[in-house]
Amino acid sequence: MAKFLFVTDLDNTLVGDDNALTELNDRLHKTRQEHGSKVVYATGRSPVLYQELKEEKNLLEPDALILAVGTEIYLDGSGNPDSEWSEKLSSGWNRDVVVAKTTQFPELVPQPNSEQRPFKVSFFLQEEPSARVLPELQSELQQSGLNVKLIYSSGIDLDIVPHHSDKGQAVQFLRQKWKFVAEQTVVCGDSGNDIALFAAGSERGIIVGNARPELLQWHNEHPADYRYLATNFCAGGILEGLKHFGFLE
């Protein structure tokens, strides 16, 4: 077995089947000790909500955290975001202008303060009005000359972030930092904000069996032999995919 870079979303991907998670944690712990594999969590959660989940589910300590849908990277347990990544995101980003523009849309309900981050403005947006609101909001923000993008997932969560920030770009940054090639890297997800993980390069991709419609639709429209659609749910689907790609026996 060779070392590999393991990157996974948390909610409904790594977490959701406690028995399978226990087995996966054991396997990952072993390959990290024996081969020097790296474990990365890539989640929409803020540091506050990540800590809650980590304690609740007894997650393995990761080598890096990609938090707030890719806008913050924390290395080796550091409490401070990686400054090199933050520097990359600051070009063309003006949080105050983003917030001001969003006040024109009553359908946008701000998420809790813990989820509002330096490079992320987050709302709840119901699925029904989203088809009308998202294009109008995108147009408003573009007219302000802002270099941003909208990430809408799970039929409720809207994140506005710098254009070159997402989970996928963050993985590319870590991959190059740690010198892993795409063939040695595996990314796992279940929802719309994970599309960036699968779309950024040719990393091995595992889509868990309980994936949401928006991710399945994207997968069907962009088939690739380096991506695997599991039948098992959550950590069980990850184990299935890791065996499929030969990362685990």
Protein backbone atom coordinates (compact mmCIF):
# COMPACT_ATOMS: atom_id res chain seq x y z
CA MET A 1 0.00 0.00 0.00
CA ALA A 2 1.28 3.47 -0.89
CA LYS A 3 0.52 6.68 0.99
CA PHE A 4 -2.39 8.77 -0.24
CA LEU A 5 -4.09 12.08 0.48
CA PHE A 6 -7.61 11.48 1.83
CA VAL A 7 -10.05 14.40 1.68
CA THR A 8 -13.66 14.14 2.80
CA ASP A 9 -16.71 16.24 3.47
CA LEU A 10 -18.17 15.63 6.95
CA ASP A 11 -21.97 15.85 7.23
CA ASN A 12 -23.72 12.96 5.47
CA THR A 13 -20.40 11.88 3.92
CA LEU A 14 -17.90 10.87 6.63
CA VAL A 15 -20.54 11.16 9.35
CA GLY A 16 -23.90 9.40 9.29
CA ASP A 17 -23.15 5.71 9.88
CA ASP A 18 -21.40 5.33 13.24
CA ASN A 19 -20.32 1.69 12.81
CA ALA A 20 -18.78 2.31 9.39
CA LEU A 21 -17.13 5.48 10.72
CA THR A 22 -15.42 3.51 13.50
CA GLU A 23 -14.04 1.04 10.95
CA LEU A 24 -12.94 3.79 8.57
CA ASN A 25 -11.21 5.70 11.39
CA ASP A 26 -9.24 2.57 12.29
CA ARG A 27 -8.18 1.97 8.68
CA LEU A 28 -7.18 5.62 8.15
CA HIS A 29 -5.26 5.75 11.42
CA LYS A 30 -3.33 2.64 10.39
CA THR A 31 -2.45 3.81 6.85
CA ARG A 32 -1.38 7.18 8.22
CA GLN A 33 0.94 5.56 10.77
CA GLU A 34 2.36 2.96 8.37
CA HIS A 35 2.57 4.87 5.08
CA GLY A 36 2.37 8.60 5.91
CA SER A 37 -1.08 9.16 4.39
CA LYS A 38 -2.69 12.54 5.13
CA VAL A 39 -6.26 13.08 6.36
CA VAL A 40 -8.13 16.29 5.49
CA TYR A 41 -11.70 17.32 6.33
CA ALA A 42 -13.35 19.70 3.86
CA THR A 43 -16.59 21.09 5.23
CA GLY A 44 -18.95 24.03 5.04
CA ARG A 45 -18.83 24.21 8.83
CA SER A 46 -17.14 27.05 10.70
CA PRO A 47 -14.46 26.30 13.34
CA VAL A 48 -17.16 26.46 16.06
CA LEU A 49 -19.49 23.95 14.39
CA TYR A 50 -16.57 21.72 13.38
CA GLN A 51 -15.42 21.42 17.00
CA GLU A 52 -18.95 20.45 18.06
CA LEU A 53 -19.05 17.64 15.50
CA LYS A 54 -15.49 16.50 16.23
CA GLU A 55 -16.32 16.00 19.91
CA GLU A 56 -19.74 14.48 19.26
CA LYS A 57 -18.42 11.91 16.75
CA ASN A 58 -14.87 11.43 18.10
CA LEU A 59 -13.34 12.23 14.70
CA LEU A 60 -9.69 11.46 13.93
CA GLU A 61 -7.40 14.47 14.31
CA PRO A 62 -6.85 15.66 10.71
CA ASP A 63 -3.58 16.84 9.14
CA ALA A 64 -5.45 19.82 7.72
CA LEU A 65 -8.92 21.34 7.87
CA ILE A 66 -10.64 23.06 4.98
CA LEU A 67 -13.45 24.99 6.66
CA ALA A 68 -16.19 27.41 5.67
CA VAL A 69 -16.58 25.88 2.15
CA GLY A 70 -12.91 26.22 1.29
CA THR A 71 -12.34 29.79 2.48
CA GLU A 72 -10.14 28.80 5.44
CA ILE A 73 -7.34 26.23 5.69
CA TYR A 74 -5.88 25.18 9.04
CA LEU A 75 -2.69 23.11 9.07
CA ASP A 76 -1.50 20.64 11.73
CA GLY A 77 -3.97 21.67 14.45
CA SER A 78 -3.16 25.39 14.21
CA GLY A 79 -5.88 27.73 15.49
CA ASN A 80 -5.04 30.33 12.84
CA PRO A 81 -6.01 30.14 9.15
CA ASP A 82 -3.12 29.62 6.72
CA SER A 83 -1.97 33.12 5.73
CA GLU A 84 -0.81 32.10 2.24
CA TRP A 85 -4.32 30.84 1.38
CA SER A 86 -6.01 33.91 2.91
CA GLU A 87 -3.75 36.14 0.82
CA LYS A 88 -4.83 34.32 -2.35
CA LEU A 89 -8.51 34.94 -1.55
CA SER A 90 -8.32 38.62 -0.66
CA SER A 91 -7.98 39.88 -4.26
CA GLY A 92 -11.33 41.16 -5.59
CA TRP A 93 -13.17 40.47 -2.32
CA ASN A 94 -15.04 43.13 -0.34
CA ARG A 95 -17.19 41.64 2.39
CA ASP A 96 -18.98 44.90 3.24
CA VAL A 97 -20.15 45.40 -0.34
CA VAL A 98 -21.38 41.79 -0.53
CA VAL A 99 -23.41 42.26 2.66
CA ALA A 100 -24.84 45.58 1.43
CA LYS A 101 -25.98 44.05 -1.88
CA THR A 102 -27.70 41.10 -0.21
CA THR A 103 -29.97 43.37 1.85
CA GLN A 104 -32.02 43.94 -1.31
CA PHE A 105 -33.24 40.33 -1.20
CA PRO A 106 -35.74 39.64 1.61
CA GLU A 107 -35.67 35.91 0.75
CA LEU A 108 -32.11 35.68 2.13
CA VAL A 109 -32.12 34.82 5.84
CA PRO A 110 -28.69 35.27 7.45
CA GLN A 111 -27.17 32.16 8.99
CA PRO A 112 -25.94 32.40 12.63
CA ASN A 113 -23.00 34.71 13.39
CA SER A 114 -20.68 31.73 13.88
CA GLU A 115 -21.13 30.91 10.16
CA GLN A 116 -20.30 34.42 8.93
CA ARG A 117 -16.57 34.33 8.20
CA PRO A 118 -13.97 36.79 6.82
CA PHE A 119 -14.25 35.27 3.31
CA LYS A 120 -17.81 33.89 3.51
CA VAL A 121 -21.25 35.45 3.78
CA SER A 122 -23.93 32.80 4.41
CA PHE A 123 -27.70 32.66 4.20
CA PHE A 124 -30.61 30.28 4.28
CA LEU A 125 -32.53 30.41 1.00
CA GLN A 126 -35.59 28.23 0.41
CA GLU A 127 -35.48 26.06 -2.71
CA GLU A 128 -38.63 27.50 -4.28
CA PRO A 129 -37.47 31.14 -4.68
CA SER A 130 -33.83 30.13 -5.33
CA ALA A 131 -34.31 29.75 -9.11
CA ARG A 132 -35.31 33.43 -9.33
CA VAL A 133 -33.15 34.91 -6.57
CA LEU A 134 -29.77 33.34 -7.46
CA PRO A 135 -29.43 34.78 -11.02
CA GLU A 136 -30.62 38.22 -9.85
CA LEU A 137 -28.18 38.22 -6.94
CA GLN A 138 -25.31 37.05 -9.17
CA SER A 139 -26.04 39.89 -11.57
CA GLU A 140 -26.14 42.49 -8.76
CA LEU A 141 -22.80 41.34 -7.36
CA GLN A 142 -21.14 41.28 -10.79
CA GLN A 143 -22.26 44.84 -11.48
CA SER A 144 -20.40 45.88 -8.32
CA GLY A 145 -17.18 44.59 -9.88
CA LEU A 146 -16.81 41.93 -7.20
CA ASN A 147 -15.00 38.70 -8.03
CA VAL A 148 -17.30 36.32 -6.13
CA LYS A 149 -19.27 33.15 -6.62
CA LEU A 150 -22.44 31.69 -5.15
CA ILE A 151 -22.49 28.14 -3.77
CA TYR A 152 -26.00 26.79 -3.17
CA SER A 153 -26.41 23.35 -1.65
CA SER A 154 -28.85 20.99 0.06
CA GLY A 155 -31.80 23.13 -1.08
CA ILE A 156 -31.24 25.63 1.74
CA ASP A 157 -27.61 26.83 2.22
CA LEU A 158 -26.24 29.75 0.23
CA ASP A 159 -22.60 30.80 0.61
CA ILE A 160 -21.08 33.81 -1.13
CA VAL A 161 -17.30 33.46 -1.33
CA PRO A 162 -14.30 34.77 -3.32
CA HIS A 163 -14.32 33.45 -6.87
CA HIS A 164 -11.18 31.32 -6.60
CA SER A 165 -12.12 29.79 -3.29
CA ASP A 166 -13.91 26.51 -2.86
CA LYS A 167 -13.17 23.07 -1.46
CA GLY A 168 -11.62 21.94 -4.75
CA GLN A 169 -9.18 24.84 -5.05
CA ALA A 170 -8.21 24.35 -1.40
CA VAL A 171 -7.43 20.67 -2.11
CA GLN A 172 -5.24 21.66 -5.09
CA PHE A 173 -3.37 24.06 -2.77
CA LEU A 174 -2.71 21.29 -0.19
CA ARG A 175 -1.88 18.70 -2.83
CA GLN A 176 0.85 20.93 -4.26
CA LYS A 177 2.08 21.91 -0.80
CA TRP A 178 2.46 18.25 0.21
CA LYS A 179 3.46 17.00 -3.26
CA PHE A 180 0.72 14.44 -3.87
CA VAL A 181 -0.22 13.72 -7.49
CA ALA A 182 -3.90 13.46 -8.49
CA GLU A 183 -3.67 9.65 -8.68
CA GLN A 184 -2.63 9.57 -4.99
CA THR A 185 -5.50 11.80 -3.91
CA VAL A 186 -9.08 10.81 -3.12
CA VAL A 187 -11.97 13.21 -2.45
CA CYS A 188 -15.38 12.25 -1.00
CA GLY A 189 -18.70 14.09 -0.88
CA ASP A 190 -22.49 14.01 -0.97
CA SER A 191 -23.93 17.43 -1.93
CA GLY A 192 -23.76 20.52 -4.14
CA ASN A 193 -20.92 22.21 -2.31
CA ASP A 194 -18.81 19.09 -2.92
CA ILE A 195 -19.04 19.42 -6.72
CA ALA A 196 -15.97 21.66 -6.50
CA LEU A 197 -14.03 18.77 -4.92
CA PHE A 198 -14.76 16.55 -7.92
CA ALA A 199 -14.51 19.22 -10.63
CA ALA A 200 -11.16 20.81 -9.74
CA GLY A 201 -8.92 18.08 -11.18
CA SER A 202 -8.63 14.35 -11.85
CA GLU A 203 -8.36 13.23 -8.23
CA ARG A 204 -10.05 9.93 -7.45
CA GLY A 205 -13.59 10.77 -6.39
CA ILE A 206 -16.02 8.87 -4.17
CA ILE A 207 -19.67 9.93 -4.24
CA VAL A 208 -21.45 8.24 -1.31
CA GLY A 209 -24.63 6.23 -1.90
CA ASN A 210 -26.82 8.79 -0.10
CA ALA A 211 -25.67 11.67 -2.36
CA ARG A 212 -28.14 14.51 -2.98
CA PRO A 213 -29.86 15.02 -6.35
CA GLU A 214 -27.76 18.07 -7.33
CA LEU A 215 -24.51 16.08 -7.04
CA LEU A 216 -25.93 13.00 -8.80
CA GLN A 217 -27.16 15.19 -11.66
CA TRP A 218 -23.71 16.77 -12.03
CA HIS A 219 -22.07 13.33 -11.91
CA ASN A 220 -24.37 12.04 -14.66
CA GLU A 221 -23.61 15.08 -16.83
CA HIS A 222 -19.83 14.80 -16.29
CA PRO A 223 -18.99 11.07 -16.24
CA ALA A 224 -15.38 10.13 -15.49
CA ASP A 225 -13.69 6.79 -14.87
CA TYR A 226 -11.72 8.27 -11.96
CA ARG A 227 -14.97 8.88 -10.05
CA TYR A 228 -16.90 6.17 -8.21
CA LEU A 229 -20.56 6.19 -7.19
CA ALA A 230 -20.87 4.01 -4.09
CA THR A 231 -23.94 1.98 -3.14
CA ASN A 232 -23.33 2.19 0.63
CA PHE A 233 -24.10 5.33 2.61
CA CYS A 234 -21.71 7.73 4.35
CA ALA A 235 -18.49 6.16 5.76
CA GLY A 236 -19.62 2.79 4.39
CA GLY A 237 -19.60 4.28 0.89
CA ILE A 238 -16.15 5.76 1.49
CA LEU A 239 -14.77 2.36 2.54
CA GLU A 240 -16.32 0.83 -0.58
CA GLY A 241 -14.73 3.49 -2.79
CA LEU A 242 -11.29 3.28 -1.17
CA LYS A 243 -11.27 -0.47 -1.85
CA HIS A 244 -12.49 0.12 -5.43
CA PHE A 245 -9.51 2.43 -6.10
CA GLY A 246 -7.04 0.14 -4.31
CA PHE A 247 -6.24 2.59 -1.48
CA LEU A 248 -7.43 0.00 1.04
CA GLU A 249 -7.39 -3.78 0.78
